[in-house]
N, C-alpha and C. Protein backbone atom coordinates (compact mmCIF):
# COMPACT_ATOMS: atom_id res chain seq x y z
N MET A 1 0.82 -1.20 0.00
CA MET A 1 0.00 0.00 0.00
C MET A 1 0.86 1.26 0.00
N ASN A 2 1.90 1.23 0.80
CA ASN A 2 2.80 2.37 0.89
C ASN A 2 3.51 2.61 -0.45
N GLN A 3 3.83 1.52 -1.11
CA GLN A 3 4.49 1.61 -2.41
C GLN A 3 3.53 2.20 -3.44
N LEU A 4 2.25 1.89 -3.33
CA LEU A 4 1.24 2.42 -4.24
C LEU A 4 1.10 3.93 -4.06
N LYS A 5 1.14 4.41 -2.81
CA LYS A 5 1.06 5.85 -2.55
C LYS A 5 2.25 6.57 -3.17
N GLY A 6 3.42 6.00 -3.03
CA GLY A 6 4.61 6.61 -3.63
C GLY A 6 4.53 6.63 -5.14
N HIS A 7 3.99 5.58 -5.71
CA HIS A 7 3.84 5.50 -7.16
C HIS A 7 2.85 6.57 -7.66
N ILE A 8 1.76 6.74 -6.95
CA ILE A 8 0.76 7.75 -7.31
C ILE A 8 1.37 9.15 -7.17
N PHE A 9 2.13 9.36 -6.11
CA PHE A 9 2.76 10.66 -5.91
C PHE A 9 3.69 11.01 -7.07
N TYR A 10 4.51 10.08 -7.49
CA TYR A 10 5.44 10.35 -8.59
C TYR A 10 4.70 10.61 -9.90
N ARG A 11 3.62 9.89 -10.14
CA ARG A 11 2.85 10.13 -11.36
C ARG A 11 2.22 11.52 -11.33
N LEU A 12 1.66 11.91 -10.21
CA LEU A 12 1.08 13.25 -10.09
C LEU A 12 2.16 14.32 -10.24
N PHE A 13 3.30 14.07 -9.64
CA PHE A 13 4.40 15.03 -9.70
C PHE A 13 4.88 15.21 -11.14
N TYR A 14 5.08 14.12 -11.84
CA TYR A 14 5.58 14.20 -13.21
C TYR A 14 4.52 14.71 -14.18
N PHE A 15 3.27 14.60 -13.84
CA PHE A 15 2.21 15.15 -14.67
C PHE A 15 2.03 16.64 -14.40
N SER A 16 2.21 17.05 -13.16
CA SER A 16 1.96 18.44 -12.81
C SER A 16 3.04 19.39 -13.33
N ILE A 17 4.27 18.94 -13.44
CA ILE A 17 5.34 19.82 -13.92
C ILE A 17 5.11 20.23 -15.37
N PRO A 18 4.86 19.31 -16.30
CA PRO A 18 4.58 19.76 -17.67
C PRO A 18 3.31 20.62 -17.76
N LEU A 19 2.33 20.28 -16.96
CA LEU A 19 1.11 21.08 -16.94
C LEU A 19 1.40 22.50 -16.46
N LEU A 20 2.21 22.62 -15.46
CA LEU A 20 2.59 23.93 -14.95
C LEU A 20 3.36 24.74 -16.00
N VAL A 21 4.23 24.08 -16.74
CA VAL A 21 4.99 24.75 -17.80
C VAL A 21 4.04 25.25 -18.89
N VAL A 22 3.08 24.43 -19.27
CA VAL A 22 2.11 24.82 -20.30
C VAL A 22 1.27 26.01 -19.81
N ILE A 23 0.83 25.96 -18.59
CA ILE A 23 0.03 27.06 -18.04
C ILE A 23 0.85 28.35 -17.99
N MET A 24 2.09 28.26 -17.57
CA MET A 24 2.94 29.45 -17.53
C MET A 24 3.17 30.02 -18.93
N GLY A 25 3.37 29.14 -19.89
CA GLY A 25 3.55 29.59 -21.27
C GLY A 25 2.32 30.31 -21.80
N CYS A 26 1.15 29.76 -21.51
CA CYS A 26 -0.10 30.41 -21.94
C CYS A 26 -0.26 31.78 -21.28
N CYS A 27 0.09 31.86 -20.01
CA CYS A 27 0.00 33.14 -19.30
C CYS A 27 0.93 34.18 -19.91
N ILE A 28 2.13 33.77 -20.25
CA ILE A 28 3.09 34.71 -20.84
C ILE A 28 2.59 35.21 -22.19
N VAL A 29 2.09 34.30 -23.02
CA VAL A 29 1.59 34.69 -24.34
C VAL A 29 0.40 35.64 -24.18
N PHE A 30 -0.52 35.31 -23.30
CA PHE A 30 -1.71 36.13 -23.13
C PHE A 30 -1.36 37.52 -22.60
N THR A 31 -0.45 37.60 -21.64
CA THR A 31 -0.09 38.91 -21.11
C THR A 31 0.63 39.75 -22.16
N HIS A 32 1.40 39.12 -23.04
CA HIS A 32 2.06 39.88 -24.10
C HIS A 32 1.05 40.42 -25.11
N LYS A 33 -0.05 39.72 -25.29
CA LYS A 33 -1.08 40.18 -26.21
C LYS A 33 -1.84 41.38 -25.66
N ILE A 34 -1.72 41.63 -24.38
CA ILE A 34 -2.34 42.80 -23.77
C ILE A 34 -1.30 43.87 -23.46
N ALA A 35 -0.19 43.47 -22.88
CA ALA A 35 0.82 44.45 -22.46
C ALA A 35 1.47 45.14 -23.66
N GLY A 36 1.70 44.41 -24.73
CA GLY A 36 2.32 45.00 -25.92
C GLY A 36 1.48 46.13 -26.50
N PRO A 37 0.19 45.90 -26.75
CA PRO A 37 -0.64 46.99 -27.26
C PRO A 37 -0.75 48.17 -26.30
N ILE A 38 -0.82 47.89 -25.01
CA ILE A 38 -0.91 49.00 -24.05
C ILE A 38 0.36 49.85 -24.12
N TYR A 39 1.50 49.20 -24.18
CA TYR A 39 2.77 49.94 -24.29
C TYR A 39 2.80 50.77 -25.57
N ASN A 40 2.37 50.17 -26.67
CA ASN A 40 2.36 50.85 -27.96
C ASN A 40 1.45 52.08 -27.92
N MET A 41 0.25 51.92 -27.37
CA MET A 41 -0.70 53.03 -27.30
C MET A 41 -0.19 54.13 -26.38
N GLU A 42 0.37 53.75 -25.26
CA GLU A 42 0.90 54.74 -24.32
C GLU A 42 2.03 55.54 -24.97
N ASN A 43 2.89 54.86 -25.69
CA ASN A 43 4.00 55.52 -26.37
C ASN A 43 3.50 56.54 -27.39
N LYS A 44 2.51 56.14 -28.18
CA LYS A 44 1.97 57.05 -29.20
C LYS A 44 1.27 58.24 -28.56
N LEU A 45 0.54 58.02 -27.48
CA LEU A 45 -0.15 59.12 -26.80
C LEU A 45 0.84 60.10 -26.17
N GLU A 46 1.93 59.59 -25.62
CA GLU A 46 2.95 60.48 -25.06
C GLU A 46 3.56 61.35 -26.15
N LYS A 47 3.81 60.77 -27.32
CA LYS A 47 4.35 61.56 -28.43
C LYS A 47 3.35 62.61 -28.89
N LEU A 48 2.08 62.24 -28.92
CA LEU A 48 1.04 63.18 -29.33
C LEU A 48 0.95 64.34 -28.34
N LEU A 49 1.01 64.04 -27.06
CA LEU A 49 0.95 65.09 -26.04
C LEU A 49 2.20 65.96 -26.04
N ALA A 50 3.31 65.41 -26.50
CA ALA A 50 4.55 66.18 -26.56
C ALA A 50 4.59 67.10 -27.79
N GLY A 51 3.56 67.03 -28.62
CA GLY A 51 3.50 67.89 -29.79
C GLY A 51 4.03 67.26 -31.05
N GLU A 52 4.42 66.02 -30.99
CA GLU A 52 4.91 65.32 -32.18
C GLU A 52 3.72 64.76 -32.96
N ASN A 53 4.00 64.32 -34.17
CA ASN A 53 2.99 63.64 -34.98
C ASN A 53 3.35 62.17 -35.06
N PRO A 54 2.86 61.37 -34.12
CA PRO A 54 3.23 59.95 -34.12
C PRO A 54 2.53 59.20 -35.25
N PRO A 55 3.12 58.12 -35.71
CA PRO A 55 2.42 57.30 -36.69
C PRO A 55 1.22 56.61 -36.03
N LEU A 56 0.33 56.13 -36.85
CA LEU A 56 -0.84 55.45 -36.32
C LEU A 56 -0.43 54.16 -35.61
N ILE A 57 -1.27 53.72 -34.71
CA ILE A 57 -1.00 52.52 -33.92
C ILE A 57 -1.27 51.29 -34.79
N VAL A 58 -0.28 50.44 -34.89
CA VAL A 58 -0.43 49.19 -35.64
C VAL A 58 -0.15 48.05 -34.66
N LEU A 59 -1.15 47.20 -34.47
CA LEU A 59 -1.00 46.08 -33.56
C LEU A 59 -0.75 44.80 -34.35
N ARG A 60 -0.14 43.85 -33.67
CA ARG A 60 0.12 42.55 -34.29
C ARG A 60 -1.19 41.79 -34.44
N LYS A 61 -1.20 40.88 -35.38
CA LYS A 61 -2.37 40.04 -35.57
C LYS A 61 -2.55 39.18 -34.32
N GLY A 62 -3.75 39.17 -33.80
CA GLY A 62 -4.04 38.39 -32.60
C GLY A 62 -3.92 39.18 -31.31
N ASP A 63 -3.42 40.41 -31.38
CA ASP A 63 -3.34 41.23 -30.17
C ASP A 63 -4.73 41.65 -29.73
N GLU A 64 -4.86 41.84 -28.45
CA GLU A 64 -6.11 42.33 -27.89
C GLU A 64 -6.16 43.85 -28.05
N LEU A 65 -7.27 44.44 -27.71
CA LEU A 65 -7.48 45.89 -27.69
C LEU A 65 -7.45 46.52 -29.09
N GLN A 66 -7.85 45.77 -30.11
CA GLN A 66 -7.87 46.29 -31.47
C GLN A 66 -8.85 47.47 -31.60
N GLU A 67 -10.02 47.34 -30.97
CA GLU A 67 -11.02 48.41 -31.07
C GLU A 67 -10.53 49.70 -30.42
N LEU A 68 -9.87 49.57 -29.30
CA LEU A 68 -9.32 50.75 -28.63
C LEU A 68 -8.24 51.39 -29.50
N ALA A 69 -7.43 50.59 -30.14
CA ALA A 69 -6.39 51.12 -31.02
C ALA A 69 -7.02 51.87 -32.20
N ASP A 70 -8.12 51.35 -32.74
CA ASP A 70 -8.80 52.03 -33.84
C ASP A 70 -9.34 53.39 -33.39
N LYS A 71 -9.89 53.45 -32.20
CA LYS A 71 -10.41 54.72 -31.68
C LYS A 71 -9.28 55.71 -31.40
N LEU A 72 -8.17 55.21 -30.89
CA LEU A 72 -7.03 56.10 -30.66
C LEU A 72 -6.43 56.57 -31.98
N ASN A 73 -6.45 55.73 -33.00
CA ASN A 73 -5.98 56.15 -34.32
C ASN A 73 -6.86 57.26 -34.87
N ALA A 74 -8.17 57.16 -34.66
CA ALA A 74 -9.08 58.23 -35.09
C ALA A 74 -8.77 59.52 -34.33
N THR A 75 -8.46 59.39 -33.06
CA THR A 75 -8.11 60.56 -32.25
C THR A 75 -6.80 61.19 -32.74
N ILE A 76 -5.82 60.36 -33.02
CA ILE A 76 -4.53 60.86 -33.51
C ILE A 76 -4.73 61.58 -34.85
N THR A 77 -5.53 60.99 -35.72
CA THR A 77 -5.80 61.61 -37.02
C THR A 77 -6.49 62.96 -36.85
N THR A 78 -7.46 63.03 -35.94
CA THR A 78 -8.16 64.28 -35.69
C THR A 78 -7.21 65.34 -35.15
N PHE A 79 -6.35 64.96 -34.23
CA PHE A 79 -5.36 65.90 -33.69
C PHE A 79 -4.43 66.40 -34.79
N LYS A 80 -3.99 65.50 -35.64
CA LYS A 80 -3.10 65.92 -36.74
C LYS A 80 -3.81 66.90 -37.66
N ASP A 81 -5.07 66.63 -37.98
CA ASP A 81 -5.83 67.53 -38.84
C ASP A 81 -6.02 68.89 -38.19
N LEU A 82 -6.34 68.90 -36.90
CA LEU A 82 -6.53 70.17 -36.20
C LEU A 82 -5.24 70.96 -36.13
N ARG A 83 -4.14 70.29 -35.88
CA ARG A 83 -2.85 70.99 -35.85
C ARG A 83 -2.50 71.57 -37.22
N GLU A 84 -2.80 70.79 -38.25
CA GLU A 84 -2.50 71.26 -39.60
C GLU A 84 -3.35 72.49 -39.94
N LYS A 85 -4.63 72.45 -39.58
CA LYS A 85 -5.51 73.59 -39.85
C LYS A 85 -5.08 74.82 -39.05
N SER A 86 -4.72 74.61 -37.79
CA SER A 86 -4.32 75.75 -36.97
C SER A 86 -2.99 76.34 -37.44
N SER A 87 -2.09 75.50 -37.93
CA SER A 87 -0.83 76.04 -38.43
C SER A 87 -1.03 76.78 -39.74
N LYS A 88 -1.98 76.34 -40.56
CA LYS A 88 -2.29 77.05 -41.80
C LYS A 88 -2.92 78.40 -41.49
N ASN A 89 -3.81 78.43 -40.51
CA ASN A 89 -4.45 79.70 -40.13
C ASN A 89 -3.44 80.66 -39.53
N ALA A 90 -2.51 80.15 -38.77
CA ALA A 90 -1.50 81.01 -38.16
C ALA A 90 -0.52 81.54 -39.20
N ALA A 91 -0.31 80.79 -40.27
CA ALA A 91 0.66 81.20 -41.28
C ALA A 91 0.07 82.13 -42.33
N SER A 92 -1.25 82.19 -42.44
CA SER A 92 -1.85 83.04 -43.47
C SER A 92 -1.81 84.51 -43.03
N PRO A 93 -1.71 85.43 -43.98
CA PRO A 93 -1.63 86.85 -43.65
C PRO A 93 -2.91 87.36 -42.98
N LYS A 94 -2.78 88.45 -42.23
CA LYS A 94 -3.93 89.00 -41.50
C LYS A 94 -5.01 89.49 -42.45
N TRP A 95 -4.63 90.07 -43.57
CA TRP A 95 -5.63 90.60 -44.49
C TRP A 95 -6.47 89.47 -45.09
N LEU A 96 -5.85 88.27 -45.21
CA LEU A 96 -6.58 87.14 -45.75
C LEU A 96 -7.58 86.62 -44.72
N LYS A 97 -7.20 86.66 -43.46
CA LYS A 97 -8.10 86.22 -42.39
C LYS A 97 -9.30 87.16 -42.29
N GLN A 98 -9.08 88.46 -42.47
CA GLN A 98 -10.16 89.43 -42.34
C GLN A 98 -11.15 89.33 -43.48
N SER A 99 -10.71 88.94 -44.65
CA SER A 99 -11.60 88.87 -45.80
C SER A 99 -12.50 87.63 -45.77
N ARG A 100 -12.21 86.71 -44.92
CA ARG A 100 -13.02 85.49 -44.84
C ARG A 100 -14.26 85.74 -44.11
């Protein structure tokens, strides 16, 4: 009986280690699918707030937060358009502004 308990223990032990490795691997992959896009979006927003014109957010296939990235891309595009319009208005002569 004691030998049977030891045999069961070793089988459980040798089964649990590969299972633990698989679970850890899945966790790492899943967290990268979330953490990567968050880092990318944060980086682009910091550049936008610093006054730069960052490129649009491009996520890898299979990454999470695709919808949020699309909305942030729309926001970045709107900011770029507004900056472009305001710089054109600031660069035009005063007499042209008054005639409008």
